[in-house]
Amino acid sequence: MSRAHAHPALHLGFTANELASSPYARFYNPDLAPLPEHVKEALQIGGQACELFPPVDKVGGLQTPGYWPVETGYTVAPDGAVRISVLTPMPRVTPAMWDWWFAWHGCASERYKLWHPRAHVAVGWADGRADLAYVGRTSMVTEYVGSSLFEVAIRFVPPASLGFDEQRLAADGEVVICARVGLAKVPILTGWLVHHIRPVPGGAEMRSRFWLGGDNVRPVGMPGVLGGFIGRTAYRLQPIKAEQVRELMVHDAQEMNHLAGFLPDLYAAFGPGAVASAEGGLRV
């Protein structure tokens, strides 16, 4: 995983001026809740058998009722690729709120920092637009994973491209966010991420999945055999380290739990149907 270098214009958290003037400041809370117990247990267990973590070409199976053999944990596949799963229960949250969030947060770093105030630094759409859409677009993010700063390009793709039945998702009230992950400044694709959000009594649950490294690595625009060879060669030169796998699982658990805690209120204030107010101006 390639690391970034801090840019002097970027900063972690809200400044005093942002806390005083930002319409989002009332939702900014740098204090994160403790890791859920099931995440702590997964970290104690460590790596598990690869067969318990389906490959990315089977991810459409998340639509099947029930759960996968491991909902929170990680493994290293024979090709050196990493597979990570994280389950996040979300009381009071609906899948539609997350669909809105992924479109809404991507054009403003202050919004992005609400999600993980101890790790998120900056965000922006590669196309420069500020409309409420994310599928087919690339989000350029700067964030810490553990103590390392990364610059990442997240290319959102239609769920159908990974085998999901989008009509059935809509009928069941579920949302799936799918993306190809790559480096921001190097034309290399490094993996996939999928967040499956489905309604459950009292709210929703998110089932996050990551496939990184190994055969998932490709130069941009080279999906064939040559691209695979170049990708595997590049990955062998700089593989994902064991501590980075654990750090990414912790990062995902932290950010999803943190935002879920206030997402219903944020959605009410800035989501569809919200109105202008003296406190924050137009909710867009």
Protein backbone atom coordinates (compact mmCIF):
# COMPACT_ATOMS: atom_id res chain seq x y z
CA MET A 1 0.00 0.00 0.00
CA SER A 2 1.52 3.29 -1.07
CA ARG A 3 1.69 6.05 1.49
CA ALA A 4 1.12 9.76 1.00
CA HIS A 5 2.96 12.71 2.46
CA ALA A 6 1.10 15.35 4.43
CA HIS A 7 0.35 18.52 2.48
CA PRO A 8 0.71 21.77 4.43
CA ALA A 9 -2.70 23.01 3.24
CA LEU A 10 -4.45 19.91 4.59
CA HIS A 11 -5.30 19.34 8.23
CA LEU A 12 -6.95 16.75 10.41
CA GLY A 13 -10.12 17.75 12.23
CA PHE A 14 -11.94 21.08 12.38
CA THR A 15 -10.06 24.31 13.06
CA ALA A 16 -11.38 26.81 15.60
CA ASN A 17 -12.74 28.90 12.72
CA GLU A 18 -14.50 25.89 11.20
CA LEU A 19 -16.04 25.00 14.54
CA ALA A 20 -17.35 28.56 14.79
CA SER A 21 -18.63 28.94 11.22
CA SER A 22 -19.29 25.55 9.62
CA PRO A 23 -22.94 24.51 9.24
CA TYR A 24 -21.77 20.98 10.07
CA ALA A 25 -19.91 21.83 13.29
CA ARG A 26 -22.69 20.64 15.58
CA PHE A 27 -22.23 17.14 14.16
CA TYR A 28 -18.46 17.14 14.59
CA ASN A 29 -17.39 14.96 17.51
CA PRO A 30 -13.71 13.90 17.76
CA ASP A 31 -14.51 11.35 20.47
CA LEU A 32 -15.11 7.88 19.04
CA ALA A 33 -17.02 5.15 20.81
CA PRO A 34 -15.06 2.04 21.89
CA LEU A 35 -14.73 -0.70 19.31
CA PRO A 36 -17.70 -3.10 19.37
CA GLU A 37 -17.01 -6.38 21.14
CA HIS A 38 -17.38 -8.48 17.99
CA VAL A 39 -14.65 -6.41 16.31
CA LYS A 40 -12.35 -6.82 19.32
CA GLU A 41 -12.94 -10.58 19.18
CA ALA A 42 -12.10 -10.69 15.46
CA LEU A 43 -8.84 -8.85 16.12
CA GLN A 44 -7.96 -11.34 18.86
CA ILE A 45 -8.70 -14.30 16.56
CA GLY A 46 -6.49 -12.90 13.82
CA GLY A 47 -6.34 -14.28 10.30
CA GLN A 48 -8.77 -17.05 9.38
CA ALA A 49 -9.13 -19.65 6.63
CA CYS A 50 -9.42 -18.14 3.16
CA GLU A 51 -12.34 -20.45 2.28
CA LEU A 52 -14.50 -18.61 4.82
CA PHE A 53 -14.24 -15.36 2.81
CA PRO A 54 -15.84 -15.58 -0.68
CA PRO A 55 -13.93 -13.94 -3.55
CA VAL A 56 -15.11 -10.71 -5.11
CA ASP A 57 -16.79 -12.50 -8.02
CA LYS A 58 -19.20 -14.07 -5.49
CA VAL A 59 -20.10 -10.82 -3.77
CA GLY A 60 -23.58 -10.75 -5.31
CA GLY A 61 -24.38 -13.53 -2.85
CA LEU A 62 -24.68 -10.89 -0.14
CA GLN A 63 -28.27 -10.49 -1.35
CA THR A 64 -29.08 -13.99 -0.13
CA PRO A 65 -30.82 -13.92 3.28
CA GLY A 66 -28.63 -14.84 6.22
CA TYR A 67 -24.95 -14.28 6.85
CA TRP A 68 -21.60 -15.36 5.45
CA PRO A 69 -19.37 -17.71 7.48
CA VAL A 70 -17.37 -14.72 8.76
CA GLU A 71 -19.06 -11.33 9.01
CA THR A 72 -16.19 -9.66 10.89
CA GLY A 73 -12.64 -10.84 10.34
CA TYR A 74 -9.86 -11.09 7.77
CA THR A 75 -7.75 -13.52 5.78
CA VAL A 76 -4.85 -13.61 3.34
CA ALA A 77 -5.57 -15.57 0.14
CA PRO A 78 -3.00 -17.82 -1.60
CA ASP A 79 -2.18 -15.03 -4.07
CA GLY A 80 -1.33 -12.72 -1.16
CA ALA A 81 -4.57 -10.76 -1.49
CA VAL A 82 -6.35 -9.58 1.66
CA ARG A 83 -10.05 -10.11 2.31
CA ILE A 84 -11.72 -8.19 5.13
CA SER A 85 -15.30 -8.33 6.43
CA VAL A 86 -16.91 -6.00 8.98
CA LEU A 87 -20.48 -6.10 10.30
CA THR A 88 -21.92 -2.87 11.73
CA PRO A 89 -25.36 -2.79 13.40
CA MET A 90 -27.00 0.62 12.94
CA PRO A 91 -30.06 1.41 15.10
CA ARG A 92 -32.40 4.14 13.73
CA VAL A 93 -30.54 4.15 10.39
CA THR A 94 -32.10 3.31 7.02
CA PRO A 95 -30.24 2.10 3.91
CA ALA A 96 -31.47 5.21 2.04
CA MET A 97 -29.52 7.40 4.46
CA TRP A 98 -26.27 5.73 3.43
CA ASP A 99 -27.09 6.05 -0.26
CA TRP A 100 -27.56 9.79 0.31
CA TRP A 101 -24.39 10.04 2.43
CA PHE A 102 -22.09 8.61 -0.24
CA ALA A 103 -23.37 11.20 -2.72
CA TRP A 104 -23.49 14.12 -0.27
CA HIS A 105 -20.20 13.98 1.60
CA GLY A 106 -17.84 13.73 -1.37
CA CYS A 107 -17.58 17.40 -2.35
CA ALA A 108 -16.63 18.91 1.02
CA SER A 109 -13.83 17.89 3.37
CA GLU A 110 -15.77 19.23 6.36
CA ARG A 111 -18.51 16.71 5.60
CA TYR A 112 -16.00 13.91 5.11
CA LYS A 113 -14.34 14.65 8.46
CA LEU A 114 -17.60 14.08 10.31
CA TRP A 115 -17.32 10.42 9.31
CA HIS A 116 -14.00 9.72 11.03
CA PRO A 117 -12.72 12.89 12.75
CA ARG A 118 -9.51 11.19 13.85
CA ALA A 119 -8.49 9.92 10.41
CA HIS A 120 -10.17 11.76 7.52
CA VAL A 121 -8.26 14.70 6.07
CA ALA A 122 -9.69 15.71 2.68
CA VAL A 123 -12.05 14.65 -0.10
CA GLY A 124 -13.14 15.88 -3.54
CA TRP A 125 -14.69 14.54 -6.72
CA ALA A 126 -12.28 14.06 -9.60
CA ASP A 127 -14.77 15.71 -11.97
CA GLY A 128 -15.17 18.76 -9.70
CA ARG A 129 -18.97 18.54 -9.64
CA ALA A 130 -21.00 19.01 -6.46
CA ASP A 131 -24.25 17.26 -7.38
CA LEU A 132 -25.79 14.40 -5.42
CA ALA A 133 -24.48 11.39 -7.34
CA TYR A 134 -21.65 8.93 -6.82
CA VAL A 135 -22.05 5.95 -9.18
CA GLY A 136 -19.76 6.41 -12.17
CA ARG A 137 -17.65 9.02 -10.41
CA THR A 138 -14.28 8.95 -8.62
CA SER A 139 -13.79 10.25 -5.09
CA MET A 140 -10.27 11.42 -4.27
CA VAL A 141 -9.65 10.97 -0.55
CA THR A 142 -6.79 11.67 1.83
CA GLU A 143 -7.02 9.73 5.06
CA TYR A 144 -5.07 8.03 7.78
CA VAL A 145 -5.28 4.27 8.17
CA GLY A 146 -3.53 3.65 11.43
CA SER A 147 -0.63 6.11 11.52
CA SER A 148 -0.06 6.10 7.74
CA LEU A 149 -1.50 8.78 5.45
CA PHE A 150 -2.88 7.58 2.11
CA GLU A 151 -4.20 9.28 -1.03
CA VAL A 152 -6.77 7.02 -2.64
CA ALA A 153 -9.02 7.10 -5.70
CA ILE A 154 -12.38 5.40 -5.12
CA ARG A 155 -14.17 4.69 -8.42
CA PHE A 156 -17.83 3.91 -7.71
CA VAL A 157 -19.40 1.34 -10.04
CA PRO A 158 -22.99 0.12 -10.50
CA PRO A 159 -23.89 -2.80 -8.21
CA ALA A 160 -25.04 -4.77 -11.26
CA SER A 161 -21.44 -4.78 -12.53
CA LEU A 162 -20.54 -7.00 -9.56
CA GLY A 163 -23.52 -9.32 -9.92
CA PHE A 164 -26.16 -7.63 -7.77
CA ASP A 165 -29.81 -7.59 -8.85
CA GLU A 166 -30.57 -3.88 -8.60
CA GLN A 167 -34.33 -4.29 -9.05
CA ARG A 168 -34.40 -6.75 -6.18
CA LEU A 169 -32.26 -4.44 -4.05
CA ALA A 170 -34.80 -1.67 -4.54
CA ALA A 171 -37.73 -3.97 -3.83
CA ASP A 172 -36.10 -5.21 -0.60
CA GLY A 173 -35.15 -1.71 0.53
CA GLU A 174 -31.43 -2.53 0.42
CA VAL A 175 -28.51 -0.44 -0.78
CA VAL A 176 -25.14 -1.63 -2.08
CA ILE A 177 -22.17 0.71 -2.57
CA CYS A 178 -19.52 -0.79 -4.87
CA ALA A 179 -16.18 0.69 -5.84
CA ARG A 180 -12.84 -0.05 -7.45
CA VAL A 181 -10.07 1.25 -5.22
CA GLY A 182 -6.80 2.65 -6.54
CA LEU A 183 -3.97 5.04 -5.88
CA ALA A 184 -4.64 8.74 -6.37
CA LYS A 185 -1.36 9.69 -8.05
CA VAL A 186 -0.36 6.43 -9.72
CA PRO A 187 -2.54 4.69 -12.36
CA ILE A 188 -2.82 1.48 -10.35
CA LEU A 189 -6.03 -0.21 -9.16
CA THR A 190 -5.45 -2.00 -5.86
CA GLY A 191 -8.74 -3.65 -4.92
CA TRP A 192 -12.50 -3.55 -4.40
CA LEU A 193 -14.85 -2.44 -1.66
CA VAL A 194 -18.53 -3.23 -1.14
CA HIS A 195 -20.89 -1.98 1.56
CA HIS A 196 -24.21 -3.86 1.70
CA ILE A 197 -26.82 -2.11 3.85
CA ARG A 198 -30.06 -3.91 4.57
CA PRO A 199 -32.98 -3.11 6.88
CA VAL A 200 -33.34 -5.04 10.14
CA PRO A 201 -35.75 -4.52 13.06
CA GLY A 202 -34.98 -1.18 14.67
CA GLY A 203 -32.71 0.10 11.90
CA ALA A 204 -30.19 -1.38 9.48
CA GLU A 205 -26.94 -3.31 9.34
CA MET A 206 -23.94 -2.74 7.11
CA ARG A 207 -21.89 -5.64 5.81
CA SER A 208 -18.59 -4.22 4.55
CA ARG A 209 -16.24 -6.21 2.33
CA PHE A 210 -12.73 -5.45 1.04
CA TRP A 211 -10.58 -7.33 -1.47
CA LEU A 212 -7.12 -5.78 -1.71
CA GLY A 213 -3.81 -6.72 -3.26
CA GLY A 214 -2.82 -9.90 -5.09
CA ASP A 215 -4.82 -10.58 -8.25
CA ASN A 216 -6.94 -7.48 -7.54
CA VAL A 217 -4.06 -5.20 -8.54
CA ARG A 218 -4.08 -3.91 -12.12
CA PRO A 219 -2.74 -0.91 -14.03
CA VAL A 220 -5.64 1.37 -15.00
CA GLY A 221 -7.02 0.36 -18.38
CA MET A 222 -5.27 -3.05 -18.45
CA PRO A 223 -7.78 -5.71 -17.29
CA GLY A 224 -6.27 -8.66 -19.22
CA VAL A 225 -3.45 -11.15 -18.70
CA LEU A 226 -0.69 -8.56 -19.13
CA GLY A 227 -2.37 -6.25 -16.65
CA GLY A 228 -2.65 -9.10 -14.17
CA PHE A 229 1.05 -9.92 -14.54
CA ILE A 230 2.08 -6.30 -14.04
CA GLY A 231 -0.26 -5.95 -11.08
CA ARG A 232 0.96 -9.07 -9.30
CA THR A 233 4.57 -8.04 -9.91
CA ALA A 234 3.93 -4.57 -8.46
CA TYR A 235 2.16 -6.04 -5.45
CA ARG A 236 5.03 -8.41 -4.66
CA LEU A 237 7.30 -5.38 -4.45
CA GLN A 238 5.06 -3.67 -1.89
CA PRO A 239 2.57 -6.08 -0.30
CA ILE A 240 0.05 -5.18 2.37
CA LYS A 241 1.54 -5.75 5.81
CA ALA A 242 -0.25 -7.70 8.53
CA GLU A 243 -0.62 -4.64 10.75
CA GLN A 244 -2.17 -2.68 7.87
CA VAL A 245 -4.88 -5.34 7.50
CA ARG A 246 -5.81 -4.96 11.15
CA GLU A 247 -5.66 -1.17 10.92
CA LEU A 248 -8.05 -1.13 7.97
CA MET A 249 -10.55 -3.36 9.76
CA VAL A 250 -10.40 -1.08 12.80
CA HIS A 251 -10.72 2.02 10.60
CA ASP A 252 -13.86 0.71 8.89
CA ALA A 253 -15.45 -0.34 12.18
CA GLN A 254 -14.71 3.05 13.73
CA GLU A 255 -15.99 5.23 10.90
CA MET A 256 -19.17 3.23 10.25
CA ASN A 257 -20.11 3.03 13.94
CA HIS A 258 -19.31 6.70 14.48
CA LEU A 259 -21.37 8.09 11.62
CA ALA A 260 -24.25 5.70 12.23
CA GLY A 261 -24.64 7.24 15.68
CA PHE A 262 -25.76 10.62 14.29
CA LEU A 263 -26.60 9.88 10.65
CA PRO A 264 -30.39 10.03 11.23
CA ASP A 265 -30.07 13.56 12.65
CA LEU A 266 -27.63 14.64 9.93
CA TYR A 267 -30.02 13.27 7.28
CA ALA A 268 -32.91 15.18 8.83
CA ALA A 269 -30.87 18.40 8.76
CA PHE A 270 -29.30 18.15 5.30
CA GLY A 271 -31.00 15.31 3.45
CA PRO A 272 -33.88 15.36 0.95
CA GLY A 273 -36.72 17.53 2.13
CA ALA A 274 -34.64 19.52 4.62
CA VAL A 275 -35.32 23.25 4.57
CA ALA A 276 -33.24 26.40 4.95
CA SER A 277 -32.53 27.56 8.46
CA ALA A 278 -30.88 30.58 10.03
CA GLU A 279 -28.29 28.31 11.59
CA GLY A 280 -26.94 26.59 8.53
CA GLY A 281 -28.42 28.03 5.35
CA LEU A 282 -29.74 25.86 2.58
CA ARG A 283 -29.43 22.14 3.23
CA VAL A 284 -27.80 20.83 0.07
